[in-house]
Protein backbone atom coordinates (compact mmCIF):
# COMPACT_ATOMS: atom_id res chain seq x y z
CA MET A 1 -0.09 0.03 0.06
CA ARG A 2 1.31 3.41 -0.91
CA PRO A 3 0.41 5.94 1.84
CA GLU A 4 1.50 8.98 -0.25
CA LEU A 5 -1.68 8.31 -2.48
CA ASP A 6 -4.97 9.92 -1.29
CA GLU A 7 -7.26 6.93 -0.41
CA ALA A 8 -10.09 8.68 -2.39
CA LEU A 9 -8.19 8.08 -5.49
CA TRP A 10 -7.71 4.23 -4.98
CA MET A 11 -9.34 2.06 -7.52
CA SER A 12 -12.32 0.00 -6.07
CA LEU A 13 -12.95 -3.57 -6.94
CA GLY A 14 -16.11 -2.38 -8.68
CA ASN A 15 -14.30 -0.07 -10.89
CA MET A 16 -11.79 -2.81 -11.75
CA ARG A 17 -14.45 -5.21 -12.59
CA THR A 18 -15.96 -2.73 -15.07
CA HIS A 19 -12.59 -3.24 -16.90
CA ARG A 20 -13.13 -6.84 -16.89
CA VAL A 21 -10.46 -7.65 -14.40
CA ARG A 22 -11.30 -10.21 -11.70
CA ASN A 23 -7.87 -10.72 -9.89
CA VAL A 24 -5.42 -8.66 -8.17
CA VAL A 25 -1.75 -9.43 -7.80
CA ALA A 26 -0.49 -9.48 -4.31
CA ARG A 27 3.33 -8.81 -3.92
CA CYS A 28 5.41 -9.66 -0.87
CA ARG A 29 8.71 -8.39 0.47
CA CYS A 30 10.06 -11.85 0.21
CA GLY A 31 9.72 -11.84 -3.64
CA HIS A 32 6.65 -13.89 -3.88
CA ALA A 33 3.79 -12.53 -6.03
CA ALA A 34 0.34 -14.31 -6.51
CA SER A 35 -2.77 -13.55 -8.65
CA VAL A 36 -5.74 -13.79 -6.30
CA ASN A 37 -9.31 -13.91 -7.48
CA VAL A 38 -11.37 -11.41 -5.66
CA ASP A 39 -14.89 -12.08 -6.96
CA MET A 40 -16.10 -12.72 -3.26
CA LEU A 41 -15.14 -9.23 -2.09
CA PRO A 42 -17.50 -6.32 -2.23
CA ASP A 43 -17.41 -3.77 -5.05
CA GLU A 44 -16.61 -0.95 -2.51
CA ALA A 45 -13.35 -2.53 -1.41
CA LYS A 46 -10.30 -0.60 -2.58
CA VAL A 47 -7.52 -2.50 -4.31
CA PRO A 48 -4.50 -1.21 -2.36
CA ALA A 49 -6.37 -1.82 0.84
CA LEU A 50 -6.55 -5.56 0.13
CA CYS A 51 -2.95 -5.88 1.54
CA ARG A 52 -4.87 -6.05 4.92
CA ARG A 53 -6.83 -9.07 4.01
CA PHE A 54 -4.15 -11.22 2.58
CA ARG A 55 -1.03 -13.34 3.82
CA CYS A 56 1.95 -14.36 1.72
CA SER A 57 1.59 -18.28 1.25
CA ARG A 58 5.50 -18.49 1.18
CA CYS A 59 6.52 -16.44 4.35
CA GLY A 60 3.24 -15.74 6.12
CA LYS A 61 3.53 -11.99 6.25
CA ARG A 62 1.16 -9.36 4.65
CA PRO A 63 1.91 -8.30 1.09
CA TYR A 64 3.25 -4.68 0.47
CA SER A 65 1.13 -4.06 -2.45
CA THR A 66 -1.87 -5.12 -4.38
CA GLU A 67 -2.79 -4.00 -7.84
CA PRO A 68 -5.12 -5.05 -10.69
CA ASP A 69 -3.91 -8.18 -12.46
CA TRP A 70 -4.40 -6.68 -15.97
CA PRO A 71 -2.94 -9.67 -17.83
CA THR A 72 -5.72 -11.78 -16.58
CA ARG A 73 -8.40 -9.37 -18.02
CA VAL A 74 -11.29 -11.34 -19.53
CA ASP A 75 -11.13 -10.16 -23.06
CA THR A 76 -7.15 -10.38 -23.27
CA GLU A 77 -7.01 -13.90 -24.70
CA ALA A 78 -9.65 -13.04 -27.40
CA LYS A 79 -7.63 -10.06 -28.52
CA ARG A 80 -4.40 -11.98 -28.61
CA GLN A 81 -6.19 -14.64 -30.81
CA SER A 82 -7.53 -12.05 -33.20
CA ALA A 83 -4.22 -10.29 -33.52
CA LEU A 84 -2.40 -13.70 -34.78
CA PRO A 85 -1.92 -13.99 -38.55
CA GLN A 86 -4.34 -16.44 -40.06
């Protein structure tokens, strides 16, 4: 979580979902990163605040950042397939 950013500017899960992203990446100081599906969390939850909800599966500490996992966006694979030469 970056305290220098105003919390009012943080992206909510609802906003993230409108961009067809259903996962967040949680990064830990130990170097581990994981993509976590957040379908079960409310739309009002703020993406950077999710650090408080997760624990690293490698070291057990809280991650230092969470951000949308843009590569898992629902329409990403369809765009890649349409960009391939036929």
